[in-house]
Amino acid sequence: MAAHLNEIRTQYEVDKLEMRQQQDRRLFRNTVWWFSIAVMLLVVIVGIGMVNARRLSFKNRSLVERIREQEKLEADNERLRDELARQDIAVDIPREQPDRLGELHIRLKEWMKDPAVFTDPELNRKTIADRLGTNEKYVFDTIHAYYDMSIQQYITHLRLNHAKKLLALPSEKRNIEDIALEAGFNSRATFHRLFKERYGMTPREFRSLINGS
């Protein structure tokens, strides 16, 4: 009887050990399986992220090139308008007042060469008219004739150009909000919205790309 009990006990221990080994092997296989799935998911996620990053980088760099082309086109248009003005050729100017608007345009351009003028948050059509010694209608007609913009669009155009130049300076360490205020915008949100509408990217994206290109 004792020998039989010992045999049963031994068989039980063997079965118990074998069962534990089977559980360990099953656990190991499951762990390897789940780990493999996790690795594959991670590879897929990283791959998608890299593809999207490349696409975004390509898109943003294309936007930078478009901005540079836009700057060149604006400069060429400005030179053309100046040349036409020197030759007394009207550029969308009412026939009854080419001399007056041409003179205002020259004086306006000269005055706006100073960034302190157009970055003044208080600048508006009345202050421009007062400074040029004319009325608001002639200011509107001049800007519309030479730039095909409203007065506010013209001011915003100058401010965005100025902000863009500041953002492109590698030595400029001020944050986006400070640059927005420097350019004459009363809020970072307004600057952010107008900058993205015009250039297709945020000021921060533009700064990063232009200084990294």
C-alpha atoms as a PDB file:
ATOM      1  CA  MET A   1       0.000   0.000   0.000  1.00  0.00           C
ATOM      2  CA  ALA A   2       2.775   2.428   0.937  1.00  0.00           C
ATOM      3  CA  ALA A   3       4.585   1.686  -2.320  1.00  0.00           C
ATOM      4  CA  HIS A   4       1.402   2.291  -4.255  1.00  0.00           C
ATOM      5  CA  LEU A   5       0.821   5.617  -2.487  1.00  0.00           C
ATOM      6  CA  ASN A   6       4.366   6.657  -3.238  1.00  0.00           C
ATOM      7  CA  GLU A   7       3.840   5.801  -6.875  1.00  0.00           C
ATOM      8  CA  ILE A   8       0.639   7.845  -7.000  1.00  0.00           C
ATOM      9  CA  ARG A   9       2.368  10.770  -5.254  1.00  0.00           C
ATOM     10  CA  THR A  10       5.287  10.623  -7.669  1.00  0.00           C
ATOM     11  CA  GLN A  11       2.964  10.507 -10.671  1.00  0.00           C
ATOM     12  CA  TYR A  12       1.050  13.489  -9.264  1.00  0.00           C
ATOM     13  CA  GLU A  13       4.238  15.531  -8.904  1.00  0.00           C
ATOM     14  CA  VAL A  14       5.310  14.596 -12.424  1.00  0.00           C
ATOM     15  CA  ASP A  15       1.905  15.546 -13.827  1.00  0.00           C
ATOM     16  CA  LYS A  16       1.955  18.756 -11.824  1.00  0.00           C
ATOM     17  CA  LEU A  17       5.414  19.663 -13.108  1.00  0.00           C
ATOM     18  CA  GLU A  18       4.474  18.853 -16.676  1.00  0.00           C
ATOM     19  CA  MET A  19       1.316  20.968 -16.403  1.00  0.00           C
ATOM     20  CA  ARG A  20       3.333  23.891 -15.026  1.00  0.00           C
ATOM     21  CA  GLN A  21       5.814  23.562 -17.886  1.00  0.00           C
ATOM     22  CA  GLN A  22       2.957  23.543 -20.399  1.00  0.00           C
ATOM     23  CA  GLN A  23       1.498  26.690 -18.794  1.00  0.00           C
ATOM     24  CA  ASP A  24       4.905  28.367 -18.900  1.00  0.00           C
ATOM     25  CA  ARG A  25       5.336  27.469 -22.578  1.00  0.00           C
ATOM     26  CA  ARG A  26       1.823  28.723 -23.352  1.00  0.00           C
ATOM     27  CA  LEU A  27       2.466  31.963 -21.463  1.00  0.00           C
ATOM     28  CA  PHE A  28       5.771  32.425 -23.299  1.00  0.00           C
ATOM     29  CA  ARG A  29       4.112  31.868 -26.691  1.00  0.00           C
ATOM     30  CA  ASN A  30       1.316  34.318 -25.838  1.00  0.00           C
ATOM     31  CA  THR A  31       3.839  36.864 -24.610  1.00  0.00           C
ATOM     32  CA  VAL A  32       5.884  36.517 -27.799  1.00  0.00           C
ATOM     33  CA  TRP A  33       2.718  36.743 -29.901  1.00  0.00           C
ATOM     34  CA  TRP A  34       1.439  39.901 -28.202  1.00  0.00           C
ATOM     35  CA  PHE A  35       4.914  41.424 -28.248  1.00  0.00           C
ATOM     36  CA  SER A  36       5.176  40.746 -31.988  1.00  0.00           C
ATOM     37  CA  ILE A  37       1.787  42.385 -32.568  1.00  0.00           C
ATOM     38  CA  ALA A  38       2.823  45.395 -30.468  1.00  0.00           C
ATOM     39  CA  VAL A  39       6.072  45.741 -32.419  1.00  0.00           C
ATOM     40  CA  MET A  40       4.236  45.507 -35.748  1.00  0.00           C
ATOM     41  CA  LEU A  41       1.692  48.130 -34.631  1.00  0.00           C
ATOM     42  CA  LEU A  42       4.500  50.383 -33.475  1.00  0.00           C
ATOM     43  CA  VAL A  43       6.283  49.982 -36.817  1.00  0.00           C
ATOM     44  CA  VAL A  44       3.049  50.794 -38.675  1.00  0.00           C
ATOM     45  CA  ILE A  45       2.371  53.856 -36.504  1.00  0.00           C
ATOM     46  CA  VAL A  46       5.943  55.123 -36.857  1.00  0.00           C
ATOM     47  CA  GLY A  47       5.813  54.479 -40.606  1.00  0.00           C
ATOM     48  CA  ILE A  48       2.549  56.407 -40.977  1.00  0.00           C
ATOM     49  CA  GLY A  49       3.979  59.209 -38.842  1.00  0.00           C
ATOM     50  CA  MET A  50       7.120  59.410 -40.979  1.00  0.00           C
ATOM     51  CA  VAL A  51       5.109  59.445 -44.207  1.00  0.00           C
ATOM     52  CA  ASN A  52       2.823  62.176 -42.873  1.00  0.00           C
ATOM     53  CA  ALA A  53       5.816  64.147 -41.602  1.00  0.00           C
ATOM     54  CA  ARG A  54       7.463  63.944 -45.025  1.00  0.00           C
ATOM     55  CA  ARG A  55       4.246  65.006 -46.713  1.00  0.00           C
ATOM     56  CA  LEU A  56       3.822  67.923 -44.284  1.00  0.00           C
ATOM     57  CA  SER A  57       7.456  68.943 -44.681  1.00  0.00           C
ATOM     58  CA  PHE A  58       7.162  68.798 -48.477  1.00  0.00           C
ATOM     59  CA  LYS A  59       3.932  70.790 -48.360  1.00  0.00           C
ATOM     60  CA  ASN A  60       5.405  73.435 -46.059  1.00  0.00           C
ATOM     61  CA  ARG A  61       8.590  73.718 -48.098  1.00  0.00           C
ATOM     62  CA  SER A  62       6.451  74.158 -51.186  1.00  0.00           C
ATOM     63  CA  LEU A  63       4.627  76.925 -49.353  1.00  0.00           C
ATOM     64  CA  VAL A  64       7.947  78.589 -48.503  1.00  0.00           C
ATOM     65  CA  GLU A  65       8.920  78.500 -52.173  1.00  0.00           C
ATOM     66  CA  ARG A  66       5.524  79.910 -53.082  1.00  0.00           C
ATOM     67  CA  ILE A  67       6.019  82.722 -50.561  1.00  0.00           C
ATOM     68  CA  ARG A  68       9.385  83.557 -52.092  1.00  0.00           C
ATOM     69  CA  GLU A  69       7.867  83.556 -55.572  1.00  0.00           C
ATOM     70  CA  GLN A  70       5.062  85.764 -54.263  1.00  0.00           C
ATOM     71  CA  GLU A  71       7.610  88.214 -52.839  1.00  0.00           C
ATOM     72  CA  LYS A  72       9.415  88.365 -56.184  1.00  0.00           C
ATOM     73  CA  LEU A  73       6.133  88.879 -58.047  1.00  0.00           C
ATOM     74  CA  GLU A  74       5.088  91.669 -55.677  1.00  0.00           C
ATOM     75  CA  ALA A  75       8.475  93.367 -56.094  1.00  0.00           C
ATOM     76  CA  ASP A  76       8.231  93.076 -59.888  1.00  0.00           C
ATOM     77  CA  ASN A  77       4.695  94.499 -59.847  1.00  0.00           C
ATOM     78  CA  GLU A  78       5.824  97.375 -57.634  1.00  0.00           C
ATOM     79  CA  ARG A  79       8.686  98.224 -60.010  1.00  0.00           C
ATOM     80  CA  LEU A  80       6.304  98.033 -62.973  1.00  0.00           C
ATOM     81  CA  ARG A  81       3.816 100.378 -61.332  1.00  0.00           C
ATOM     82  CA  ASP A  82       6.560 102.837 -60.451  1.00  0.00           C
ATOM     83  CA  GLU A  83       7.813 102.753 -64.033  1.00  0.00           C
ATOM     84  CA  LEU A  84       4.312 103.311 -65.407  1.00  0.00           C
ATOM     85  CA  ALA A  85       3.823 106.178 -62.966  1.00  0.00           C
ATOM     86  CA  ARG A  86       7.077 107.795 -64.120  1.00  0.00           C
ATOM     87  CA  GLN A  87       5.865 107.534 -67.720  1.00  0.00           C
ATOM     88  CA  ASP A  88       2.485 109.076 -66.769  1.00  0.00           C
ATOM     89  CA  ILE A  89       0.651 105.894 -67.753  1.00  0.00           C
ATOM     90  CA  ALA A  90      -2.466 105.431 -65.667  1.00  0.00           C
ATOM     91  CA  VAL A  91      -2.776 102.266 -63.585  1.00  0.00           C
ATOM     92  CA  ASP A  92      -6.481 101.805 -62.764  1.00  0.00           C
ATOM     93  CA  ILE A  93      -6.623 105.509 -61.904  1.00  0.00           C
ATOM     94  CA  PRO A  94      -9.720 107.617 -62.615  1.00  0.00           C
ATOM     95  CA  ARG A  95      -8.968 109.867 -65.578  1.00  0.00           C
ATOM     96  CA  GLU A  96      -9.990 113.022 -63.786  1.00  0.00           C
ATOM     97  CA  GLN A  97      -7.361 112.699 -61.041  1.00  0.00           C
ATOM     98  CA  PRO A  98      -4.191 110.848 -62.161  1.00  0.00           C
ATOM     99  CA  ASP A  99      -1.846 113.627 -61.049  1.00  0.00           C
ATOM    100  CA  ARG A 100      -3.327 113.878 -57.564  1.00  0.00           C
ATOM    101  CA  LEU A 101      -3.350 110.113 -56.947  1.00  0.00           C
ATOM    102  CA  GLY A 102       0.099 109.668 -58.451  1.00  0.00           C
ATOM    103  CA  GLU A 103       1.478 112.310 -56.125  1.00  0.00           C
ATOM    104  CA  LEU A 104      -0.290 110.763 -53.128  1.00  0.00           C
ATOM    105  CA  HIS A 105       1.070 107.354 -54.060  1.00  0.00           C
ATOM    106  CA  ILE A 106       4.648 108.618 -54.104  1.00  0.00           C
ATOM    107  CA  ARG A 107       4.240 110.383 -50.773  1.00  0.00           C
ATOM    108  CA  LEU A 108       2.456 107.378 -49.246  1.00  0.00           C
ATOM    109  CA  LYS A 109       5.202 104.971 -50.348  1.00  0.00           C
ATOM    110  CA  GLU A 110       7.907 107.227 -48.960  1.00  0.00           C
ATOM    111  CA  TRP A 111       6.124 107.589 -45.636  1.00  0.00           C
ATOM    112  CA  MET A 112       5.478 103.849 -45.332  1.00  0.00           C
ATOM    113  CA  LYS A 113       9.163 103.026 -45.711  1.00  0.00           C
ATOM    114  CA  ASP A 114       9.415 103.586 -41.969  1.00  0.00           C
ATOM    115  CA  PRO A 115       8.044 100.483 -40.155  1.00  0.00           C
ATOM    116  CA  ALA A 116       7.225 102.656 -37.156  1.00  0.00           C
ATOM    117  CA  VAL A 117       4.445 104.201 -39.252  1.00  0.00           C
ATOM    118  CA  PHE A 118       2.466 101.130 -40.352  1.00  0.00           C
ATOM    119  CA  THR A 119       3.148  99.149 -37.150  1.00  0.00           C
ATOM    120  CA  ASP A 120       1.384 101.818 -35.095  1.00  0.00           C
ATOM    121  CA  PRO A 121      -1.800 100.077 -33.856  1.00  0.00           C
ATOM    122  CA  GLU A 122      -3.645 103.415 -34.047  1.00  0.00           C
ATOM    123  CA  LEU A 123      -2.967 103.874 -37.780  1.00  0.00           C
ATOM    124  CA  ASN A 124      -6.143 104.229 -39.838  1.00  0.00           C
ATOM    125  CA  ARG A 125      -7.463 106.041 -42.896  1.00  0.00           C
ATOM    126  CA  LYS A 126      -7.976 109.299 -40.997  1.00  0.00           C
ATOM    127  CA  THR A 127      -4.425 109.433 -39.638  1.00  0.00           C
ATOM    128  CA  ILE A 128      -3.082 108.620 -43.107  1.00  0.00           C
ATOM    129  CA  ALA A 129      -5.224 111.341 -44.694  1.00  0.00           C
ATOM    130  CA  ASP A 130      -4.193 113.871 -42.057  1.00  0.00           C
ATOM    131  CA  ARG A 131      -0.502 113.026 -42.456  1.00  0.00           C
ATOM    132  CA  LEU A 132      -0.678 113.336 -46.260  1.00  0.00           C
ATOM    133  CA  GLY A 133      -2.751 116.506 -46.103  1.00  0.00           C
ATOM    134  CA  THR A 134      -5.673 115.115 -48.049  1.00  0.00           C
ATOM    135  CA  ASN A 135      -9.045 113.495 -47.403  1.00  0.00           C
ATOM    136  CA  GLU A 136      -9.942 109.886 -46.710  1.00  0.00           C
ATOM    137  CA  LYS A 137     -11.541 109.347 -50.116  1.00  0.00           C
ATOM    138  CA  TYR A 138      -8.344 110.227 -51.956  1.00  0.00           C
ATOM    139  CA  VAL A 139      -6.400 107.903 -49.660  1.00  0.00           C
ATOM    140  CA  PHE A 140      -8.824 105.095 -50.455  1.00  0.00           C
ATOM    141  CA  ASP A 141      -8.743 105.842 -54.207  1.00  0.00           C
ATOM    142  CA  THR A 142      -4.922 105.902 -54.233  1.00  0.00           C
ATOM    143  CA  ILE A 143      -4.493 102.594 -52.414  1.00  0.00           C
ATOM    144  CA  HIS A 144      -7.216 100.937 -54.440  1.00  0.00           C
ATOM    145  CA  ALA A 145      -5.745 102.215 -57.730  1.00  0.00           C
ATOM    146  CA  TYR A 146      -2.158 101.210 -57.029  1.00  0.00           C
ATOM    147  CA  TYR A 147      -2.601  98.101 -54.860  1.00  0.00           C
ATOM    148  CA  ASP A 148      -6.173  96.933 -55.500  1.00  0.00           C
ATOM    149  CA  MET A 149      -6.721  96.819 -51.732  1.00  0.00           C
ATOM    150  CA  SER A 150      -8.765  98.571 -49.118  1.00  0.00           C
ATOM    151  CA  ILE A 151      -6.895 100.784 -46.658  1.00  0.00           C
ATOM    152  CA  GLN A 152      -7.056  98.137 -43.913  1.00  0.00           C
ATOM    153  CA  GLN A 153      -5.911  95.416 -46.296  1.00  0.00           C
ATOM    154  CA  TYR A 154      -2.968  97.598 -47.303  1.00  0.00           C
ATOM    155  CA  ILE A 155      -1.967  98.204 -43.680  1.00  0.00           C
ATOM    156  CA  THR A 156      -2.312  94.488 -42.881  1.00  0.00           C
ATOM    157  CA  HIS A 157      -0.248  93.662 -45.969  1.00  0.00           C
ATOM    158  CA  LEU A 158       2.612  95.881 -44.762  1.00  0.00           C
ATOM    159  CA  ARG A 159       2.436  94.486 -41.223  1.00  0.00           C
ATOM    160  CA  LEU A 160       2.489  90.856 -42.383  1.00  0.00           C
ATOM    161  CA  ASN A 161       5.481  91.563 -44.620  1.00  0.00           C
ATOM    162  CA  HIS A 162       7.285  93.176 -41.696  1.00  0.00           C
ATOM    163  CA  ALA A 163       6.459  90.271 -39.357  1.00  0.00           C
ATOM    164  CA  LYS A 164       7.595  87.782 -41.995  1.00  0.00           C
ATOM    165  CA  LYS A 165      10.958  89.530 -42.261  1.00  0.00           C
ATOM    166  CA  LEU A 166      11.384  89.412 -38.484  1.00  0.00           C
ATOM    167  CA  LEU A 167      10.481  85.718 -38.352  1.00  0.00           C
ATOM    168  CA  ALA A 168      13.028  84.974 -41.080  1.00  0.00           C
ATOM    169  CA  LEU A 169      15.896  86.530 -39.120  1.00  0.00           C
ATOM    170  CA  PRO A 170      18.036  83.792 -37.488  1.00  0.00           C
ATOM    171  CA  SER A 171      19.166  86.343 -34.905  1.00  0.00           C
ATOM    172  CA  GLU A 172      15.592  87.231 -33.899  1.00  0.00           C
ATOM    173  CA  LYS A 173      14.958  85.528 -30.563  1.00  0.00           C
ATOM    174  CA  ARG A 174      11.653  87.105 -29.579  1.00  0.00           C
ATOM    175  CA  ASN A 175       8.592  84.866 -29.340  1.00  0.00           C
ATOM    176  CA  ILE A 176       5.657  84.947 -31.752  1.00  0.00           C
ATOM    177  CA  GLU A 177       3.505  87.158 -29.522  1.00  0.00           C
ATOM    178  CA  ASP A 178       6.232  89.799 -29.200  1.00  0.00           C
ATOM    179  CA  ILE A 179       6.757  89.835 -32.971  1.00  0.00           C
ATOM    180  CA  ALA A 180       2.994  90.164 -33.522  1.00  0.00           C
ATOM    181  CA  LEU A 181       2.901  93.204 -31.233  1.00  0.00           C
ATOM    182  CA  GLU A 182       6.032  94.618 -32.873  1.00  0.00           C
ATOM    183  CA  ALA A 183       4.320  94.340 -36.275  1.00  0.00           C
ATOM    184  CA  GLY A 184       1.277  96.278 -35.065  1.00  0.00           C
ATOM    185  CA  PHE A 185      -1.189  93.480 -34.305  1.00  0.00           C
ATOM    186  CA  ASN A 186      -3.182  93.822 -31.106  1.00  0.00           C
ATOM    187  CA  SER A 187      -3.456  90.089 -30.470  1.00  0.00           C
ATOM    188  CA  ARG A 188      -1.512  86.939 -31.199  1.00  0.00           C
ATOM    189  CA  ALA A 189      -4.704  85.192 -32.349  1.00  0.00           C
ATOM    190  CA  THR A 190      -5.447  87.830 -34.993  1.00  0.00           C
ATOM    191  CA  PHE A 191      -1.856  87.736 -36.233  1.00  0.00           C
ATOM    192  CA  HIS A 192      -1.871  83.929 -36.318  1.00  0.00           C
ATOM    193  CA  ARG A 193      -5.128  83.849 -38.328  1.00  0.00           C
ATOM    194  CA  LEU A 194      -4.119  86.516 -40.855  1.00  0.00           C
ATOM    195  CA  PHE A 195      -0.628  85.055 -41.318  1.00  0.00           C
ATOM    196  CA  LYS A 196      -2.007  81.574 -42.006  1.00  0.00           C
ATOM    197  CA  GLU A 197      -4.657  82.946 -44.375  1.00  0.00           C
ATOM    198  CA  ARG A 198      -1.995  84.689 -46.431  1.00  0.00           C
ATOM    199  CA  TYR A 199       0.908  82.227 -46.317  1.00  0.00           C
ATOM    200  CA  GLY A 200      -0.807  78.889 -45.711  1.00  0.00           C
ATOM    201  CA  MET A 201       1.125  78.077 -42.527  1.00  0.00           C
ATOM    202  CA  THR A 202       1.434  79.334 -38.987  1.00  0.00           C
ATOM    203  CA  PRO A 203       4.102  81.880 -38.009  1.00  0.00           C
ATOM    204  CA  ARG A 204       5.863  79.197 -35.974  1.00  0.00           C
ATOM    205  CA  GLU A 205       5.935  76.777 -38.930  1.00  0.00           C
ATOM    206  CA  PHE A 206       7.244  79.511 -41.210  1.00  0.00           C
ATOM    207  CA  ARG A 207      10.000  80.484 -38.760  1.00  0.00           C
ATOM    208  CA  SER A 208      11.077  76.858 -38.340  1.00  0.00           C
ATOM    209  CA  LEU A 209      11.130  76.139 -42.070  1.00  0.00           C
ATOM    210  CA  ILE A 210      12.721  79.362 -43.294  1.00  0.00           C
ATOM    211  CA  ASN A 211      15.531  79.160 -40.758  1.00  0.00           C
ATOM    212  CA  GLY A 212      16.062  75.483 -41.430  1.00  0.00           C
ATOM    213  CA  SER A 213      16.153  75.741 -45.208  1.00  0.00           C
END
